[in-house]
PDB file of N, CA and C in Angstrom:
ATOM      1  N   MET A   1      36.981 208.765 -26.160  1.00  0.00           N
ATOM      2  CA  MET A   1      35.891 209.158 -25.345  1.00  0.00           C
ATOM      3  C   MET A   1      35.255 208.016 -24.762  1.00  0.00           C
ATOM      4  N   ILE A   2      35.057 208.008 -23.366  1.00  0.00           N
ATOM      5  CA  ILE A   2      34.364 206.951 -22.628  1.00  0.00           C
ATOM      6  C   ILE A   2      33.062 207.343 -22.265  1.00  0.00           C
ATOM      7  N   PHE A   3      32.183 206.361 -22.465  1.00  0.00           N
ATOM      8  CA  PHE A   3      30.687 206.724 -22.093  1.00  0.00           C
ATOM      9  C   PHE A   3      30.551 206.445 -20.688  1.00  0.00           C
ATOM     10  N   THR A   4      29.965 207.501 -19.969  1.00  0.00           N
ATOM     11  CA  THR A   4      29.938 207.393 -18.534  1.00  0.00           C
ATOM     12  C   THR A   4      28.474 207.445 -18.087  1.00  0.00           C
ATOM     13  N   GLY A   5      27.504 207.463 -19.067  1.00  0.00           N
ATOM     14  CA  GLY A   5      26.093 207.396 -18.631  1.00  0.00           C
ATOM     15  C   GLY A   5      25.580 205.997 -18.445  1.00  0.00           C
ATOM     16  N   LYS A   6      24.241 205.932 -18.443  1.00  0.00           N
ATOM     17  CA  LYS A   6      23.551 204.595 -18.224  1.00  0.00           C
ATOM     18  C   LYS A   6      23.114 204.162 -19.722  1.00  0.00           C
ATOM     19  N   PHE A   7      23.116 202.873 -19.788  1.00  0.00           N
ATOM     20  CA  PHE A   7      22.682 202.377 -21.103  1.00  0.00           C
ATOM     21  C   PHE A   7      21.422 201.544 -20.818  1.00  0.00           C
ATOM     22  N   ILE A   8      20.301 202.016 -21.526  1.00  0.00           N
ATOM     23  CA  ILE A   8      19.043 201.375 -21.342  1.00  0.00           C
ATOM     24  C   ILE A   8      18.825 200.614 -22.623  1.00  0.00           C
ATOM     25  N   PHE A   9      18.442 199.347 -22.479  1.00  0.00           N
ATOM     26  CA  PHE A   9      18.020 198.561 -23.640  1.00  0.00           C
ATOM     27  C   PHE A   9      16.559 198.323 -23.613  1.00  0.00           C
ATOM     28  N   GLU A  10      15.774 198.769 -24.695  1.00  0.00           N
ATOM     29  CA  GLU A  10      14.372 198.618 -24.621  1.00  0.00           C
ATOM     30  C   GLU A  10      13.956 197.802 -25.899  1.00  0.00           C
ATOM     31  N   ILE A  11      13.146 196.834 -25.725  1.00  0.00           N
ATOM     32  CA  ILE A  11      12.677 196.040 -26.952  1.00  0.00           C
ATOM     33  C   ILE A  11      11.221 195.860 -26.812  1.00  0.00           C
ATOM     34  N   THR A  12      10.453 195.921 -27.960  1.00  0.00           N
ATOM     35  CA  THR A  12       9.056 195.608 -27.933  1.00  0.00           C
ATOM     36  C   THR A  12       8.891 194.098 -28.608  1.00  0.00           C
ATOM     37  N   ILE A  13       8.131 193.241 -27.891  1.00  0.00           N
ATOM     38  CA  ILE A  13       7.896 192.006 -28.363  1.00  0.00           C
ATOM     39  C   ILE A  13       6.592 191.910 -29.323  1.00  0.00           C
ATOM     40  N   ILE A  14       6.861 191.558 -30.482  1.00  0.00           N
ATOM     41  CA  ILE A  14       5.747 191.598 -31.516  1.00  0.00           C
ATOM     42  C   ILE A  14       5.411 190.143 -32.029  1.00  0.00           C
ATOM     43  N   ARG A  15       4.197 189.668 -31.848  1.00  0.00           N
ATOM     44  CA  ARG A  15       3.803 188.324 -32.361  1.00  0.00           C
ATOM     45  C   ARG A  15       4.072 188.186 -33.854  1.00  0.00           C
ATOM     46  N   GLY A  16       4.800 187.018 -34.107  1.00  0.00           N
ATOM     47  CA  GLY A  16       5.109 186.802 -35.509  1.00  0.00           C
ATOM     48  C   GLY A  16       6.339 187.434 -35.914  1.00  0.00           C
ATOM     49  N   TYR A  17       7.026 188.215 -35.054  1.00  0.00           N
ATOM     50  CA  TYR A  17       8.143 188.915 -35.500  1.00  0.00           C
ATOM     51  C   TYR A  17       9.323 188.586 -34.640  1.00  0.00           C
ATOM     52  N   ASN A  18       9.332 188.621 -33.352  1.00  0.00           N
ATOM     53  CA  ASN A  18      10.324 188.295 -32.558  1.00  0.00           C
ATOM     54  C   ASN A  18       9.955 187.653 -31.212  1.00  0.00           C
ATOM     55  N   ASP A  19       8.783 186.914 -31.296  1.00  0.00           N
ATOM     56  CA  ASP A  19       8.298 186.150 -30.087  1.00  0.00           C
ATOM     57  C   ASP A  19       8.541 184.719 -30.096  1.00  0.00           C
ATOM     58  N   ASP A  20       9.239 184.210 -31.198  1.00  0.00           N
ATOM     59  CA  ASP A  20       9.566 182.752 -31.219  1.00  0.00           C
ATOM     60  C   ASP A  20      10.852 182.423 -30.343  1.00  0.00           C
ATOM     61  N   GLU A  21      11.010 181.125 -30.075  1.00  0.00           N
ATOM     62  CA  GLU A  21      12.113 180.773 -29.177  1.00  0.00           C
ATOM     63  C   GLU A  21      13.540 181.157 -29.731  1.00  0.00           C
ATOM     64  N   GLU A  22      13.740 181.047 -31.016  1.00  0.00           N
ATOM     65  CA  GLU A  22      15.038 181.544 -31.657  1.00  0.00           C
ATOM     66  C   GLU A  22      15.237 182.990 -31.409  1.00  0.00           C
ATOM     67  N   SER A  23      14.251 183.807 -31.652  1.00  0.00           N
ATOM     68  CA  SER A  23      14.354 185.274 -31.522  1.00  0.00           C
ATOM     69  C   SER A  23      14.577 185.596 -30.002  1.00  0.00           C
ATOM     70  N   ILE A  24      13.940 184.946 -29.083  1.00  0.00           N
ATOM     71  CA  ILE A  24      14.222 185.211 -27.727  1.00  0.00           C
ATOM     72  C   ILE A  24      15.523 184.818 -27.248  1.00  0.00           C
ATOM     73  N   LYS A  25      16.068 183.711 -27.760  1.00  0.00           N
ATOM     74  CA  LYS A  25      17.447 183.382 -27.473  1.00  0.00           C
ATOM     75  C   LYS A  25      18.395 184.428 -27.982  1.00  0.00           C
ATOM     76  N   ASN A  26      18.256 184.892 -29.189  1.00  0.00           N
ATOM     77  CA  ASN A  26      19.033 185.802 -29.684  1.00  0.00           C
ATOM     78  C   ASN A  26      19.070 187.287 -28.919  1.00  0.00           C
ATOM     79  N   ILE A  27      17.844 187.551 -28.560  1.00  0.00           N
ATOM     80  CA  ILE A  27      17.634 188.805 -27.704  1.00  0.00           C
ATOM     81  C   ILE A  27      18.427 188.543 -26.378  1.00  0.00           C
ATOM     82  N   LYS A  28      18.222 187.379 -25.780  1.00  0.00           N
ATOM     83  CA  LYS A  28      18.886 187.102 -24.529  1.00  0.00           C
ATOM     84  C   LYS A  28      20.505 187.248 -24.602  1.00  0.00           C
ATOM     85  N   ASN A  29      20.927 186.636 -25.783  1.00  0.00           N
ATOM     86  CA  ASN A  29      22.482 186.741 -26.013  1.00  0.00           C
ATOM     87  C   ASN A  29      22.901 188.166 -26.219  1.00  0.00           C
ATOM     88  N   ILE A  30      22.078 188.998 -26.882  1.00  0.00           N
ATOM     89  CA  ILE A  30      22.451 190.449 -27.108  1.00  0.00           C
ATOM     90  C   ILE A  30      22.508 191.165 -25.775  1.00  0.00           C
ATOM     91  N   ILE A  31      21.460 190.925 -24.870  1.00  0.00           N
ATOM     92  CA  ILE A  31      21.408 191.478 -23.585  1.00  0.00           C
ATOM     93  C   ILE A  31      22.677 191.140 -22.763  1.00  0.00           C
ATOM     94  N   LYS A  32      23.193 189.877 -22.834  1.00  0.00           N
ATOM     95  CA  LYS A  32      24.420 189.411 -22.220  1.00  0.00           C
ATOM     96  C   LYS A  32      25.572 190.146 -22.695  1.00  0.00           C
ATOM     97  N   GLU A  33      25.534 190.240 -23.998  1.00  0.00           N
ATOM     98  CA  GLU A  33      26.825 190.856 -24.707  1.00  0.00           C
ATOM     99  C   GLU A  33      26.936 192.394 -24.401  1.00  0.00           C
ATOM    100  N   ILE A  34      25.815 193.123 -24.397  1.00  0.00           N
ATOM    101  CA  ILE A  34      25.934 194.551 -24.240  1.00  0.00           C
ATOM    102  C   ILE A  34      25.763 195.004 -22.813  1.00  0.00           C
ATOM    103  N   SER A  35      25.273 194.125 -21.931  1.00  0.00           N
ATOM    104  CA  SER A  35      25.206 194.287 -20.589  1.00  0.00           C
ATOM    105  C   SER A  35      24.653 195.674 -20.092  1.00  0.00           C
ATOM    106  N   PRO A  36      23.344 195.928 -20.510  1.00  0.00           N
ATOM    107  CA  PRO A  36      22.750 197.258 -20.212  1.00  0.00           C
ATOM    108  C   PRO A  36      22.569 197.483 -18.759  1.00  0.00           C
ATOM    109  N   ASN A  37      22.440 198.714 -18.249  1.00  0.00           N
ATOM    110  CA  ASN A  37      22.156 199.076 -16.849  1.00  0.00           C
ATOM    111  C   ASN A  37      20.671 198.714 -16.588  1.00  0.00           C
ATOM    112  N   LYS A  38      19.903 198.918 -17.660  1.00  0.00           N
ATOM    113  CA  LYS A  38      18.350 198.771 -17.449  1.00  0.00           C
ATOM    114  C   LYS A  38      17.866 198.002 -18.661  1.00  0.00           C
ATOM    115  N   ILE A  39      16.868 197.132 -18.424  1.00  0.00           N
ATOM    116  CA  ILE A  39      16.256 196.403 -19.486  1.00  0.00           C
ATOM    117  C   ILE A  39      14.780 196.769 -19.421  1.00  0.00           C
ATOM    118  N   ILE A  40      14.179 197.217 -20.520  1.00  0.00           N
ATOM    119  CA  ILE A  40      12.764 197.413 -20.678  1.00  0.00           C
ATOM    120  C   ILE A  40      12.180 196.531 -21.796  1.00  0.00           C
ATOM    121  N   ILE A  41      11.261 195.602 -21.415  1.00  0.00           N
ATOM    122  CA  ILE A  41      10.650 194.743 -22.422  1.00  0.00           C
ATOM    123  C   ILE A  41       9.112 195.154 -22.425  1.00  0.00           C
ATOM    124  N   ALA A  42       8.774 195.529 -23.660  1.00  0.00           N
ATOM    125  CA  ALA A  42       7.418 195.921 -23.767  1.00  0.00           C
ATOM    126  C   ALA A  42       6.714 195.069 -24.820  1.00  0.00           C
ATOM    127  N   ARG A  43       5.310 195.357 -24.939  1.00  0.00           N
ATOM    128  CA  ARG A  43       4.565 194.711 -26.023  1.00  0.00           C
ATOM    129  C   ARG A  43       3.642 195.700 -26.600  1.00  0.00           C
ATOM    130  N   ILE A  44       3.039 195.337 -27.606  1.00  0.00           N
ATOM    131  CA  ILE A  44       2.052 196.321 -28.276  1.00  0.00           C
ATOM    132  C   ILE A  44       0.869 196.512 -27.429  1.00  0.00           C
ATOM    133  N   GLU A  45       0.531 197.719 -27.195  1.00  0.00           N
ATOM    134  CA  GLU A  45      -0.630 197.979 -26.214  1.00  0.00           C
ATOM    135  C   GLU A  45      -1.710 198.751 -27.084  1.00  0.00           C
ATOM    136  N   ASP A  46      -1.390 199.249 -28.200  1.00  0.00           N
ATOM    137  CA  ASP A  46      -2.317 200.002 -29.097  1.00  0.00           C
ATOM    138  C   ASP A  46      -3.392 199.015 -29.612  1.00  0.00           C
ATOM    139  N   GLU A  47      -4.695 199.296 -29.237  1.00  0.00           N
ATOM    140  CA  GLU A  47      -5.788 198.382 -29.703  1.00  0.00           C
ATOM    141  C   GLU A  47      -5.703 198.087 -31.199  1.00  0.00           C
ATOM    142  N   ARG A  48      -5.356 199.006 -32.045  1.00  0.00           N
ATOM    143  CA  ARG A  48      -5.389 198.882 -33.400  1.00  0.00           C
ATOM    144  C   ARG A  48      -4.468 197.807 -33.870  1.00  0.00           C
ATOM    145  N   PHE A  49      -3.376 197.547 -33.122  1.00  0.00           N
ATOM    146  CA  PHE A  49      -2.436 196.585 -33.516  1.00  0.00           C
ATOM    147  C   PHE A  49      -2.451 195.222 -32.611  1.00  0.00           C
ATOM    148  N   LYS A  50      -2.962 195.487 -31.539  1.00  0.00           N
ATOM    149  CA  LYS A  50      -2.852 194.354 -30.504  1.00  0.00           C
ATOM    150  C   LYS A  50      -3.496 193.118 -31.048  1.00  0.00           C
ATOM    151  N   LYS A  51      -4.591 193.132 -31.771  1.00  0.00           N
ATOM    152  CA  LYS A  51      -5.332 191.978 -32.232  1.00  0.00           C
ATOM    153  C   LYS A  51      -4.382 191.172 -33.148  1.00  0.00           C
ATOM    154  N   LYS A  52      -3.653 191.889 -34.025  1.00  0.00           N
ATOM    155  CA  LYS A  52      -2.864 191.237 -35.049  1.00  0.00           C
ATOM    156  C   LYS A  52      -1.591 190.816 -34.552  1.00  0.00           C
ATOM    157  N   ARG A  53      -0.916 191.713 -33.758  1.00  0.00           N
ATOM    158  CA  ARG A  53       0.583 191.625 -33.428  1.00  0.00           C
ATOM    159  C   ARG A  53       0.770 191.467 -31.963  1.00  0.00           C
ATOM    160  N   GLY A  54      -0.190 191.612 -31.119  1.00  0.00           N
ATOM    161  CA  GLY A  54      -0.024 191.556 -29.607  1.00  0.00           C
ATOM    162  C   GLY A  54       0.152 190.185 -29.254  1.00  0.00           C
ATOM    163  N   ILE A  55       0.818 190.002 -28.095  1.00  0.00           N
ATOM    164  CA  ILE A  55       0.896 188.628 -27.524  1.00  0.00           C
ATOM    165  C   ILE A  55       0.065 188.463 -26.071  1.00  0.00           C
ATOM    166  N   THR A  56      -0.261 187.265 -25.833  1.00  0.00           N
ATOM    167  CA  THR A  56      -1.033 187.007 -24.666  1.00  0.00           C
ATOM    168  C   THR A  56      -0.303 187.319 -23.438  1.00  0.00           C
ATOM    169  N   ASP A  57      -0.988 187.563 -22.299  1.00  0.00           N
ATOM    170  CA  ASP A  57      -0.427 187.927 -21.029  1.00  0.00           C
ATOM    171  C   ASP A  57       0.607 186.639 -20.623  1.00  0.00           C
ATOM    172  N   GLU A  58       0.189 185.477 -20.869  1.00  0.00           N
ATOM    173  CA  GLU A  58       0.922 184.300 -20.467  1.00  0.00           C
ATOM    174  C   GLU A  58       2.196 184.251 -21.245  1.00  0.00           C
ATOM    175  N   ARG A  59       2.125 184.492 -22.537  1.00  0.00           N
ATOM    176  CA  ARG A  59       3.412 184.446 -23.420  1.00  0.00           C
ATOM    177  C   ARG A  59       4.249 185.579 -23.011  1.00  0.00           C
ATOM    178  N   PHE A  60       3.770 186.689 -22.673  1.00  0.00           N
ATOM    179  CA  PHE A  60       4.578 187.761 -22.271  1.00  0.00           C
ATOM    180  C   PHE A  60       5.281 187.472 -21.021  1.00  0.00           C
ATOM    181  N   GLU A  61       4.560 186.881 -19.954  1.00  0.00           N
ATOM    182  CA  GLU A  61       5.254 186.508 -18.747  1.00  0.00           C
ATOM    183  C   GLU A  61       6.411 185.433 -18.988  1.00  0.00           C
ATOM    184  N   GLU A  62       6.154 184.528 -19.928  1.00  0.00           N
ATOM    185  CA  GLU A  62       7.135 183.584 -20.335  1.00  0.00           C
ATOM    186  C   GLU A  62       8.366 184.200 -20.858  1.00  0.00           C
ATOM    187  N   ILE A  63       8.101 185.156 -21.748  1.00  0.00           N
ATOM    188  CA  ILE A  63       9.278 185.860 -22.359  1.00  0.00           C
ATOM    189  C   ILE A  63      10.118 186.653 -21.255  1.00  0.00           C
ATOM    190  N   LEU A  64       9.420 187.330 -20.444  1.00  0.00           N
ATOM    191  CA  LEU A  64       9.917 188.133 -19.393  1.00  0.00           C
ATOM    192  C   LEU A  64      10.853 187.176 -18.597  1.00  0.00           C
ATOM    193  N   ASN A  65      10.356 186.049 -18.183  1.00  0.00           N
ATOM    194  CA  ASN A  65      11.118 185.123 -17.328  1.00  0.00           C
ATOM    195  C   ASN A  65      12.265 184.670 -18.102  1.00  0.00           C
ATOM    196  N   LEU A  66      12.207 184.293 -19.378  1.00  0.00           N
ATOM    197  CA  LEU A  66      13.326 183.834 -20.215  1.00  0.00           C
ATOM    198  C   LEU A  66      14.386 184.893 -20.340  1.00  0.00           C
ATOM    199  N   LEU A  67      14.116 186.166 -20.515  1.00  0.00           N
ATOM    200  CA  LEU A  67      15.003 187.228 -20.799  1.00  0.00           C
ATOM    201  C   LEU A  67      15.531 187.803 -19.461  1.00  0.00           C
ATOM    202  N   LEU A  68      14.818 187.828 -18.526  1.00  0.00           N
ATOM    203  CA  LEU A  68      15.343 188.550 -17.306  1.00  0.00           C
ATOM    204  C   LEU A  68      15.906 187.589 -16.200  1.00  0.00           C
ATOM    205  N   ASN A  69      15.645 186.366 -16.244  1.00  0.00           N
ATOM    206  CA  ASN A  69      16.151 185.381 -15.326  1.00  0.00           C
ATOM    207  C   ASN A  69      17.172 184.403 -15.947  1.00  0.00           C
ATOM    208  N   SER A  70      18.416 184.672 -15.605  1.00  0.00           N
ATOM    209  CA  SER A  70      19.421 183.808 -16.269  1.00  0.00           C
ATOM    210  C   SER A  70      19.724 182.653 -15.493  1.00  0.00           C
TER     211      SER A  70
END
């Protein structure tokens, strides 16, 4: 059976978990390998968790540029 739909890759960036350079490099390699039709990169927006695990606007922009611009 051949998949004929669209493949959407979504990832949430979490401070202290996957926001370091090595993790970003690995995510970028995964994106290249699976070649999704659409990429969604999110971050924690819930105020309860944002203080401990959220990332700054500047860091989020850096990560977006690293992942979306090859």
